[in-house]
Protein backbone atom coordinates (compact mmCIF):
# COMPACT_ATOMS: atom_id res chain seq x y z
CA MET A 1 -0.20 -0.44 0.11
CA PHE A 2 2.90 2.65 1.23
CA LEU A 3 4.92 1.77 -2.33
CA ARG A 4 0.95 2.00 -4.63
CA SER A 5 1.00 5.66 -2.57
CA VAL A 6 4.01 6.75 -3.17
CA TYR A 7 4.08 5.79 -7.29
CA SER A 8 0.43 7.43 -7.35
CA MET A 9 1.78 10.66 -6.16
CA ALA A 10 4.78 10.38 -8.25
CA THR A 11 2.92 9.96 -11.41
CA ASN A 12 -0.24 11.85 -10.05
CA VAL A 13 -2.53 9.64 -11.02
CA THR A 14 -4.92 8.08 -8.87
CA THR A 15 -6.25 4.44 -8.86
CA ILE A 16 -9.66 5.55 -10.87
CA GLU A 17 -7.76 7.49 -13.15
CA SER A 18 -5.01 4.85 -13.83
CA TRP A 19 -8.30 2.51 -15.30
CA GLU A 20 -8.93 5.26 -17.15
CA ILE A 21 -5.94 5.52 -18.90
CA GLU A 22 -6.25 1.56 -19.80
CA ARG A 23 -9.61 2.52 -20.84
CA HIS A 24 -8.78 5.01 -23.38
CA GLY A 25 -5.76 2.67 -24.45
CA GLN A 26 -8.27 -0.07 -24.86
CA LEU A 27 -10.84 2.52 -27.19
CA LEU A 28 -7.61 3.21 -29.45
CA ARG A 29 -6.91 -0.32 -30.01
CA ARG A 30 -10.34 -0.74 -30.79
CA ALA A 31 -10.57 2.29 -33.27
CA ARG A 32 -7.39 1.23 -35.70
CA VAL A 33 -9.35 -1.91 -36.05
CA LEU A 34 -12.53 -0.26 -37.26
CA GLY A 35 -10.65 2.91 -39.03
CA GLY A 36 -10.32 5.34 -36.34
CA SER A 37 -13.69 5.41 -34.75
CA LEU A 38 -16.73 3.43 -33.22
CA ASP A 39 -20.06 3.66 -32.85
CA GLY A 40 -21.59 5.46 -30.46
CA PRO A 41 -25.59 5.85 -29.15
CA ASP A 42 -27.98 5.25 -32.13
CA GLY A 43 -25.03 4.85 -34.41
CA MET A 44 -23.38 8.15 -33.71
CA ARG A 45 -20.07 7.72 -35.44
CA VAL A 46 -16.91 8.84 -32.14
CA TRP A 47 -13.81 9.74 -33.81
CA ILE A 48 -10.94 8.69 -31.28
CA SER A 49 -7.56 10.33 -30.93
CA HIS A 50 -4.80 9.62 -28.67
CA HIS A 51 -5.09 11.87 -25.60
CA GLU A 52 -1.95 12.26 -22.89
CA PHE A 53 -3.18 12.60 -19.22
CA PRO A 54 -2.72 15.73 -18.28
CA TYR A 55 -1.99 16.13 -15.05
CA ASP A 56 1.41 14.27 -14.96
CA ILE A 57 3.77 17.11 -14.96
CA GLY A 58 6.63 15.42 -13.87
CA ILE A 59 7.83 13.32 -10.86
CA TRP A 60 9.19 16.39 -8.90
CA GLN A 61 6.33 18.40 -9.16
CA ASN A 62 4.32 15.55 -9.00
CA ILE A 63 5.76 15.13 -5.15
CA ARG A 64 5.93 19.01 -4.54
CA ASP A 65 1.95 19.08 -4.91
CA GLY A 66 1.39 16.34 -3.09
CA MET A 67 3.26 16.74 -0.13
CA GLY A 68 2.55 20.66 -0.90
CA THR A 69 5.89 22.47 -0.41
CA TRP A 70 9.83 21.97 -1.84
CA ASN A 71 10.71 21.86 1.76
CA THR A 72 11.66 17.55 2.13
CA LEU A 73 12.39 18.48 6.02
CA ALA A 74 8.69 19.98 6.11
CA TRP A 75 7.37 16.56 4.92
CA PHE A 76 8.20 14.92 8.34
CA TRP A 77 6.58 18.48 10.50
CA PRO A 78 3.42 17.46 10.90
CA PHE A 79 2.56 21.45 12.38
CA ALA A 80 3.61 22.58 8.63
CA ALA A 81 1.59 24.84 6.67
CA SER A 82 -0.42 23.37 3.89
CA MET A 83 -0.40 24.21 0.39
CA LYS A 84 -2.84 26.86 -0.44
CA THR A 85 -5.41 26.29 -3.50
CA ASP A 86 -8.96 26.41 -4.03
CA GLY A 87 -9.07 22.97 -5.29
CA LEU A 88 -10.89 23.46 -8.57
CA SER A 89 -7.74 24.31 -10.77
CA PHE A 90 -4.87 22.35 -11.44
CA GLU A 91 -1.34 22.80 -13.26
CA THR A 92 -1.50 20.57 -16.42
CA ASN A 93 1.49 19.28 -18.39
CA GLY A 94 0.65 21.22 -21.78
CA PHE A 95 0.69 17.99 -23.94
CA GLU A 96 -3.11 18.63 -25.07
CA GLU A 97 -4.81 21.60 -26.33
CA PRO A 98 -6.81 24.20 -24.03
CA GLY A 99 -10.04 23.00 -23.33
CA GLN A 100 -9.46 19.05 -23.58
CA THR A 101 -10.95 16.98 -21.28
CA TRP A 102 -10.19 14.33 -18.77
CA PRO A 103 -11.24 11.37 -19.61
CA PRO A 104 -11.53 11.47 -23.07
CA PRO A 105 -14.63 10.55 -24.92
CA ASP A 106 -16.03 7.24 -24.62
CA PRO A 107 -18.62 5.87 -27.11
CA ASP A 108 -20.12 3.53 -24.82
CA ARG A 109 -20.44 6.10 -21.45
CA MET A 110 -22.58 8.76 -23.44
CA PRO A 111 -26.11 8.50 -23.19
CA ARG A 112 -28.50 8.13 -25.60
CA LEU A 113 -29.58 10.75 -27.95
CA PRO A 114 -33.35 12.16 -26.84
CA ARG A 115 -36.04 11.23 -29.69
CA GLU A 116 -38.46 12.83 -31.09
CA GLN A 117 -42.04 11.87 -30.25
CA ASP A 118 -44.17 12.13 -33.48
CA ALA A 119 -47.42 13.79 -31.96
CA LYS A 120 -49.14 13.80 -35.43
CA ASP A 121 -51.69 10.74 -34.42
CA ALA A 122 -51.51 12.64 -30.82
CA PHE A 123 -55.28 13.43 -30.41
CA THR A 124 -56.97 10.41 -32.93
CA TYR A 125 -59.68 9.22 -31.02
CA HIS A 126 -61.48 5.75 -31.87
CA GLU A 127 -64.82 4.72 -31.58
CA TYR A 128 -65.83 1.69 -29.00
CA LEU A 129 -68.55 0.12 -28.60
CA THR A 130 -68.39 0.24 -24.96
CA ALA A 131 -67.18 2.38 -22.03
CA GLU A 132 -64.91 -0.55 -20.86
CA ALA A 133 -63.35 -0.92 -23.92
CA GLU A 134 -62.36 2.59 -24.56
CA ILE A 135 -61.08 2.43 -20.98
CA GLU A 136 -59.10 -0.78 -21.80
CA ALA A 137 -57.58 0.65 -24.75
CA PHE A 138 -56.30 3.84 -22.84
CA LYS A 139 -55.05 1.78 -20.38
CA GLN A 140 -52.85 -0.33 -23.15
CA ARG A 141 -51.64 3.03 -24.94
CA GLN A 142 -50.71 4.66 -21.45
CA ALA A 143 -48.64 0.89 -20.80
CA ALA A 144 -47.01 1.07 -24.16
CA ASP A 145 -46.18 4.51 -23.46
CA LEU A 146 -44.90 4.14 -20.30
CA ALA A 147 -42.58 1.60 -21.91
CA ARG A 148 -41.33 3.38 -24.18
CA ARG A 149 -40.32 6.47 -22.16
CA VAL A 150 -38.28 3.32 -19.98
CA ARG A 151 -36.29 2.54 -23.25
CA THR A 152 -35.78 6.05 -24.93
CA ASN A 153 -35.13 8.04 -21.39
CA GLY A 154 -31.52 8.03 -20.10
CA PRO A 155 -28.35 5.70 -20.90
CA GLN A 156 -28.66 2.44 -21.22
CA ARG A 157 -25.96 -0.17 -20.64
CA ARG A 158 -24.49 -1.52 -23.68
CA LYS A 159 -23.56 -5.23 -24.09
CA PRO A 160 -19.79 -6.09 -24.09
CA PHE A 161 -17.68 -4.69 -27.38
CA HIS A 162 -16.94 -8.43 -28.03
CA HIS A 163 -20.90 -9.05 -28.62
CA ARG A 164 -21.57 -6.87 -30.46
CA PHE A 165 -20.38 -8.53 -32.98
CA ASP A 166 -21.53 -11.61 -34.80
CA LEU A 167 -18.45 -14.40 -34.95
CA GLU A 168 -18.97 -15.73 -38.21
CA THR A 169 -20.10 -12.81 -39.99
CA GLU A 170 -18.14 -10.52 -38.15
CA GLN A 171 -20.90 -8.35 -38.55
CA ARG A 172 -22.70 -6.02 -35.75
CA VAL A 173 -25.65 -7.40 -33.91
CA GLU A 174 -28.87 -5.68 -34.25
CA ASN A 175 -29.66 -4.69 -31.00
CA GLU A 176 -26.30 -3.92 -28.89
CA TYR A 177 -28.08 -2.98 -25.90
CA LEU A 178 -28.97 -5.17 -22.57
CA ASP A 179 -32.39 -5.13 -20.90
CA ASP A 180 -33.15 -3.47 -17.71
CA ASP A 181 -34.22 -6.76 -16.51
CA ALA A 182 -30.69 -8.68 -17.34
CA THR A 183 -29.83 -7.08 -14.00
CA ASP A 184 -27.35 -10.09 -13.57
CA LEU A 185 -25.40 -9.82 -16.89
CA SER A 186 -22.68 -7.39 -17.22
CA GLY A 187 -22.40 -4.58 -19.83
CA GLU A 188 -19.21 -2.44 -21.40
CA GLU A 189 -19.80 -0.83 -17.56
CA GLY A 190 -17.70 -4.38 -16.56
CA TRP A 191 -14.62 -3.87 -18.24
CA GLN A 192 -11.57 -5.17 -17.12
CA ASP A 193 -8.01 -3.61 -16.56
CA SER A 194 -5.15 -5.32 -16.98
CA GLY A 195 -4.97 -5.96 -13.36
CA GLY A 196 -8.89 -7.65 -13.55
CA ASN A 197 -10.23 -4.98 -11.94
CA ARG A 198 -13.62 -3.42 -13.06
CA LEU A 199 -15.17 0.09 -11.43
CA ARG A 200 -16.68 -1.68 -8.74
CA ASP A 201 -14.20 -3.41 -7.31
CA TYR A 202 -12.44 0.06 -6.39
CA GLY A 203 -15.89 0.77 -4.38
CA VAL A 204 -17.95 2.72 -6.64
CA GLU A 205 -21.11 2.50 -8.78
CA GLU A 206 -20.48 1.43 -12.03
CA ASP A 207 -24.13 2.45 -13.38
CA ILE A 208 -23.43 5.63 -11.98
CA GLU A 209 -19.79 6.31 -12.25
CA PHE A 210 -19.76 4.78 -16.05
CA TYR A 211 -22.71 5.91 -17.56
CA ASP A 212 -23.56 9.77 -17.40
CA GLU A 213 -26.75 9.54 -15.49
CA ASP A 214 -27.64 13.13 -14.62
CA ASP A 215 -30.57 13.03 -16.04
CA MET A 216 -32.16 9.78 -14.89
CA PRO A 217 -34.44 10.10 -12.25
CA ILE A 218 -33.49 9.37 -8.76
CA ALA A 219 -36.03 6.95 -8.48
CA LYS A 220 -34.81 4.88 -11.41
CA LEU A 221 -31.37 4.73 -9.50
CA LEU A 222 -32.70 3.45 -6.63
CA GLN A 223 -34.57 0.58 -8.35
CA ARG A 224 -31.40 -0.56 -10.45
CA ARG A 225 -29.96 -0.23 -6.57
CA GLU A 226 -32.30 -2.35 -4.93
CA GLN A 227 -32.39 -5.02 -8.43
CA ARG A 228 -28.60 -5.70 -7.58
CA ASN A 229 -28.75 -6.12 -3.98
């Protein structure tokens, strides 16, 4: 643990960031095979280019920022003053253009695009023989509408990359998303690094950390957590 902490401080890379670096390398290898781009949500093409980790500014500078001072004697003095920082901006190595974000774009972590609803038949009425039949038809339309919202609103888990292709034809499968009911199966959020670690091994919620769920209702997130438990 001590050696791991020293290594993380010297490279300025946290455990999660090391996972993200390996993940980016994996996406680059996939993109090279597929012509430089990968499929994002709903068939959107996402070009993958190499990004350097921006916060590794050199071993000595990393240790200085981690310990708060250049003075090595002060590292062992418990009452030494800490470095003044707002914790919102950090020095970068300048390898990337200004405005680049980390981690780089990941097609599997992007939410699906919002779909426009066709409202041309929204107020189409039909005649029914009885009031009970009309009520039953209304309930069926309501259930279909709710099911459609579940499918289209918020992110959905994508199948692992190697499950999105037919092994015989090497063509993409028609449906590359997992059903919400398949809680016992892992999608692309279960990707493992070279050490066999996935995000949940670091104590984080994969559905929240891997997928962008800013627009997903709290009730839906709680429901997923209850299903996993």
